[in-house]
Amino acid sequence: MEISIGSVVSSKAGRDKGELFVVLALDSEYAMLANGDLRKVDKPKKKKLKHIQKTNFVSEFIAEKMKSSGKVTNSEVRKALAEYKPMD
């Protein structure tokens, strides 16, 4: 599974190592990430793709909303992260 807009990812490096984020935008080398708490959607974290770990969860709501209107709210991002249940 490829990383796409709306994917829930985990940080592999940096101060935020182990934190969960939602992908808001992508380019060839970077992803723009937000978690709705410390990293708000109006100031997302720019992180290299090699420094994030994909999960098996994609928030369809976030993906559709980003395609249609291009913006989501912090509460919607927090809700998408709350829906993610890691495989134990």
N, C-alpha and C. Protein backbone atom coordinates (compact mmCIF):
# COMPACT_ATOMS: atom_id res chain seq x y z
N MET A 1 0.85 -1.19 0.00
CA MET A 1 0.00 0.00 0.00
C MET A 1 0.89 1.24 0.00
N GLU A 2 0.57 2.16 -0.86
CA GLU A 2 1.33 3.40 -1.02
C GLU A 2 0.79 4.46 -0.07
N ILE A 3 1.65 5.39 0.34
CA ILE A 3 1.22 6.52 1.15
C ILE A 3 0.43 7.46 0.26
N SER A 4 -0.74 7.87 0.74
CA SER A 4 -1.60 8.77 -0.03
C SER A 4 -2.19 9.81 0.92
N ILE A 5 -2.86 10.79 0.35
CA ILE A 5 -3.53 11.80 1.16
C ILE A 5 -4.62 11.12 1.99
N GLY A 6 -4.64 11.41 3.28
CA GLY A 6 -5.58 10.77 4.19
C GLY A 6 -4.99 9.59 4.94
N SER A 7 -3.78 9.15 4.57
CA SER A 7 -3.13 8.03 5.25
C SER A 7 -2.72 8.43 6.66
N VAL A 8 -2.85 7.50 7.59
CA VAL A 8 -2.32 7.70 8.93
C VAL A 8 -0.91 7.12 8.92
N VAL A 9 0.06 7.94 9.33
CA VAL A 9 1.46 7.53 9.33
C VAL A 9 2.07 7.78 10.70
N SER A 10 3.20 7.09 10.93
CA SER A 10 3.94 7.24 12.17
C SER A 10 5.31 7.82 11.85
N SER A 11 5.79 8.71 12.68
CA SER A 11 7.10 9.32 12.47
C SER A 11 8.19 8.34 12.92
N LYS A 12 9.21 8.16 12.06
CA LYS A 12 10.32 7.26 12.39
C LYS A 12 11.54 8.00 12.92
N ALA A 13 11.59 9.32 12.77
CA ALA A 13 12.78 10.08 13.16
C ALA A 13 12.39 11.47 13.63
N GLY A 14 13.25 12.05 14.46
CA GLY A 14 13.04 13.41 14.93
C GLY A 14 12.42 13.46 16.31
N ARG A 15 12.14 14.68 16.76
CA ARG A 15 11.55 14.87 18.08
C ARG A 15 10.20 14.21 18.21
N ASP A 16 9.50 14.09 17.08
CA ASP A 16 8.14 13.54 17.08
C ASP A 16 8.12 12.04 16.80
N LYS A 17 9.25 11.35 17.01
CA LYS A 17 9.35 9.92 16.73
C LYS A 17 8.25 9.15 17.48
N GLY A 18 7.54 8.31 16.73
CA GLY A 18 6.48 7.50 17.32
C GLY A 18 5.11 8.15 17.29
N GLU A 19 5.03 9.43 16.96
CA GLU A 19 3.75 10.15 16.91
C GLU A 19 2.98 9.77 15.64
N LEU A 20 1.66 9.82 15.72
CA LEU A 20 0.80 9.56 14.58
C LEU A 20 0.37 10.86 13.93
N PHE A 21 0.32 10.86 12.61
CA PHE A 21 -0.08 12.02 11.83
C PHE A 21 -0.98 11.57 10.69
N VAL A 22 -1.72 12.53 10.12
CA VAL A 22 -2.49 12.32 8.90
C VAL A 22 -1.80 13.08 7.79
N VAL A 23 -1.66 12.44 6.63
CA VAL A 23 -1.04 13.07 5.47
C VAL A 23 -2.05 14.02 4.81
N LEU A 24 -1.67 15.31 4.70
CA LEU A 24 -2.54 16.30 4.09
C LEU A 24 -2.14 16.60 2.65
N ALA A 25 -0.86 16.47 2.34
CA ALA A 25 -0.38 16.73 0.98
C ALA A 25 0.91 15.95 0.75
N LEU A 26 1.19 15.68 -0.52
CA LEU A 26 2.38 14.92 -0.90
C LEU A 26 3.05 15.57 -2.09
N ASP A 27 4.39 15.45 -2.15
CA ASP A 27 5.10 15.70 -3.40
C ASP A 27 6.10 14.56 -3.54
N SER A 28 7.05 14.67 -4.43
CA SER A 28 7.93 13.54 -4.73
C SER A 28 8.78 13.11 -3.55
N GLU A 29 9.15 14.03 -2.67
CA GLU A 29 10.07 13.71 -1.58
C GLU A 29 9.53 13.99 -0.19
N TYR A 30 8.50 14.82 -0.08
CA TYR A 30 8.00 15.25 1.22
C TYR A 30 6.51 15.00 1.38
N ALA A 31 6.09 14.90 2.65
CA ALA A 31 4.68 14.82 3.01
C ALA A 31 4.39 15.94 4.00
N MET A 32 3.22 16.53 3.91
CA MET A 32 2.78 17.53 4.86
C MET A 32 1.85 16.83 5.85
N LEU A 33 2.22 16.87 7.13
CA LEU A 33 1.54 16.09 8.16
C LEU A 33 0.92 16.97 9.23
N ALA A 34 -0.20 16.53 9.77
CA ALA A 34 -0.85 17.23 10.88
C ALA A 34 -1.48 16.20 11.80
N ASN A 35 -1.57 16.56 13.09
CA ASN A 35 -2.28 15.68 14.02
C ASN A 35 -3.43 16.41 14.72
N GLY A 36 -3.64 17.69 14.40
CA GLY A 36 -4.76 18.43 14.96
C GLY A 36 -4.54 18.91 16.37
N ASP A 37 -3.38 18.60 16.95
CA ASP A 37 -3.10 18.99 18.33
C ASP A 37 -1.87 19.91 18.35
N LEU A 38 -0.68 19.34 18.37
CA LEU A 38 0.53 20.15 18.33
C LEU A 38 0.85 20.62 16.91
N ARG A 39 0.51 19.80 15.93
CA ARG A 39 0.69 20.16 14.52
C ARG A 39 -0.68 20.41 13.91
N LYS A 40 -1.02 21.69 13.81
CA LYS A 40 -2.33 22.08 13.29
C LYS A 40 -2.35 21.99 11.77
N VAL A 41 -3.55 21.96 11.19
CA VAL A 41 -3.69 21.87 9.74
C VAL A 41 -3.24 23.14 9.03
N ASP A 42 -3.28 24.29 9.72
CA ASP A 42 -2.85 25.53 9.08
C ASP A 42 -1.33 25.69 9.09
N LYS A 43 -0.62 24.86 9.86
CA LYS A 43 0.85 24.87 9.87
C LYS A 43 1.34 23.42 9.96
N PRO A 44 1.17 22.64 8.89
CA PRO A 44 1.55 21.22 8.95
C PRO A 44 3.05 21.01 8.96
N LYS A 45 3.46 19.84 9.42
CA LYS A 45 4.87 19.46 9.47
C LYS A 45 5.29 18.94 8.11
N LYS A 46 6.39 19.47 7.58
CA LYS A 46 6.96 18.99 6.32
C LYS A 46 8.00 17.95 6.68
N LYS A 47 7.79 16.71 6.25
CA LYS A 47 8.67 15.61 6.64
C LYS A 47 9.01 14.77 5.42
N LYS A 48 10.26 14.34 5.33
CA LYS A 48 10.68 13.48 4.23
C LYS A 48 9.96 12.14 4.31
N LEU A 49 9.64 11.60 3.14
CA LEU A 49 8.93 10.32 3.09
C LEU A 49 9.72 9.20 3.74
N LYS A 50 11.05 9.25 3.67
CA LYS A 50 11.85 8.18 4.27
C LYS A 50 11.82 8.23 5.80
N HIS A 51 11.30 9.31 6.38
CA HIS A 51 11.23 9.44 7.82
C HIS A 51 9.85 9.15 8.39
N ILE A 52 8.94 8.64 7.55
CA ILE A 52 7.63 8.25 8.05
C ILE A 52 7.33 6.80 7.70
N GLN A 53 6.57 6.17 8.56
CA GLN A 53 6.17 4.77 8.39
C GLN A 53 4.68 4.71 8.12
N LYS A 54 4.31 4.10 7.00
CA LYS A 54 2.88 4.01 6.68
C LYS A 54 2.21 2.98 7.59
N THR A 55 0.92 3.17 7.79
CA THR A 55 0.12 2.20 8.54
C THR A 55 -0.86 1.58 7.55
N ASN A 56 -1.71 0.72 8.04
CA ASN A 56 -2.69 0.06 7.18
C ASN A 56 -4.01 0.84 7.11
N PHE A 57 -4.02 2.08 7.59
CA PHE A 57 -5.28 2.83 7.69
C PHE A 57 -5.24 4.10 6.85
N VAL A 58 -6.28 4.32 6.06
CA VAL A 58 -6.46 5.56 5.31
C VAL A 58 -7.83 6.11 5.67
N SER A 59 -7.88 7.36 6.11
CA SER A 59 -9.15 8.00 6.43
C SER A 59 -9.80 8.46 5.13
N GLU A 60 -10.82 7.75 4.71
CA GLU A 60 -11.52 8.09 3.47
C GLU A 60 -12.18 9.46 3.57
N PHE A 61 -12.65 9.81 4.77
CA PHE A 61 -13.28 11.11 4.97
C PHE A 61 -12.29 12.24 4.69
N ILE A 62 -11.09 12.13 5.25
CA ILE A 62 -10.05 13.16 5.05
C ILE A 62 -9.65 13.20 3.58
N ALA A 63 -9.45 12.04 2.97
CA ALA A 63 -9.04 11.98 1.57
C ALA A 63 -10.07 12.65 0.66
N GLU A 64 -11.35 12.34 0.86
CA GLU A 64 -12.41 12.93 0.04
C GLU A 64 -12.54 14.43 0.26
N LYS A 65 -12.45 14.86 1.52
CA LYS A 65 -12.59 16.28 1.82
C LYS A 65 -11.43 17.08 1.25
N MET A 66 -10.20 16.53 1.31
CA MET A 66 -9.04 17.22 0.74
C MET A 66 -9.16 17.32 -0.77
N LYS A 67 -9.72 16.29 -1.43
CA LYS A 67 -9.91 16.34 -2.88
C LYS A 67 -10.98 17.35 -3.27
N SER A 68 -12.06 17.43 -2.51
CA SER A 68 -13.16 18.30 -2.89
C SER A 68 -12.93 19.77 -2.51
N SER A 69 -12.62 20.02 -1.23
CA SER A 69 -12.49 21.42 -0.80
C SER A 69 -11.05 21.85 -0.56
N GLY A 70 -10.14 20.90 -0.37
CA GLY A 70 -8.75 21.24 -0.15
C GLY A 70 -8.39 21.61 1.27
N LYS A 71 -9.37 21.53 2.19
CA LYS A 71 -9.06 21.84 3.58
C LYS A 71 -9.90 21.01 4.54
N VAL A 72 -9.31 20.73 5.70
CA VAL A 72 -9.98 20.01 6.77
C VAL A 72 -9.75 20.79 8.06
N THR A 73 -10.48 20.45 9.08
CA THR A 73 -10.31 21.12 10.37
C THR A 73 -9.47 20.25 11.30
N ASN A 74 -8.96 20.88 12.34
CA ASN A 74 -8.15 20.15 13.32
C ASN A 74 -8.97 19.06 14.01
N SER A 75 -10.23 19.34 14.29
CA SER A 75 -11.07 18.34 14.96
C SER A 75 -11.31 17.13 14.05
N GLU A 76 -11.42 17.35 12.74
CA GLU A 76 -11.59 16.24 11.81
C GLU A 76 -10.33 15.37 11.76
N VAL A 77 -9.16 16.00 11.83
CA VAL A 77 -7.90 15.25 11.85
C VAL A 77 -7.80 14.44 13.13
N ARG A 78 -8.15 15.05 14.27
CA ARG A 78 -8.11 14.32 15.55
C ARG A 78 -9.07 13.14 15.53
N LYS A 79 -10.25 13.33 14.93
CA LYS A 79 -11.23 12.26 14.83
C LYS A 79 -10.71 11.11 13.97
N ALA A 80 -10.04 11.44 12.85
CA ALA A 80 -9.47 10.41 11.98
C ALA A 80 -8.40 9.62 12.72
N LEU A 81 -7.58 10.29 13.52
CA LEU A 81 -6.54 9.60 14.29
C LEU A 81 -7.16 8.73 15.39
N ALA A 82 -8.27 9.17 15.95
CA ALA A 82 -8.95 8.38 16.99
C ALA A 82 -9.56 7.12 16.40
N GLU A 83 -9.95 7.16 15.11
CA GLU A 83 -10.52 5.97 14.46
C GLU A 83 -9.47 4.90 14.17
N TYR A 84 -8.19 5.32 14.10
CA TYR A 84 -7.11 4.38 13.80
C TYR A 84 -6.87 3.46 14.99
N LYS A 85 -6.92 2.18 14.72
CA LYS A 85 -6.65 1.16 15.74
C LYS A 85 -5.45 0.34 15.28
N PRO A 86 -4.30 0.47 15.95
CA PRO A 86 -3.12 -0.30 15.51
C PRO A 86 -3.33 -1.80 15.71
N MET A 87 -2.70 -2.55 14.80
CA MET A 87 -2.76 -4.02 14.88
C MET A 87 -1.78 -4.48 15.95
N ASP A 88 -2.26 -5.16 16.96
CA ASP A 88 -1.37 -5.66 18.03
C ASP A 88 -1.00 -7.10 17.80
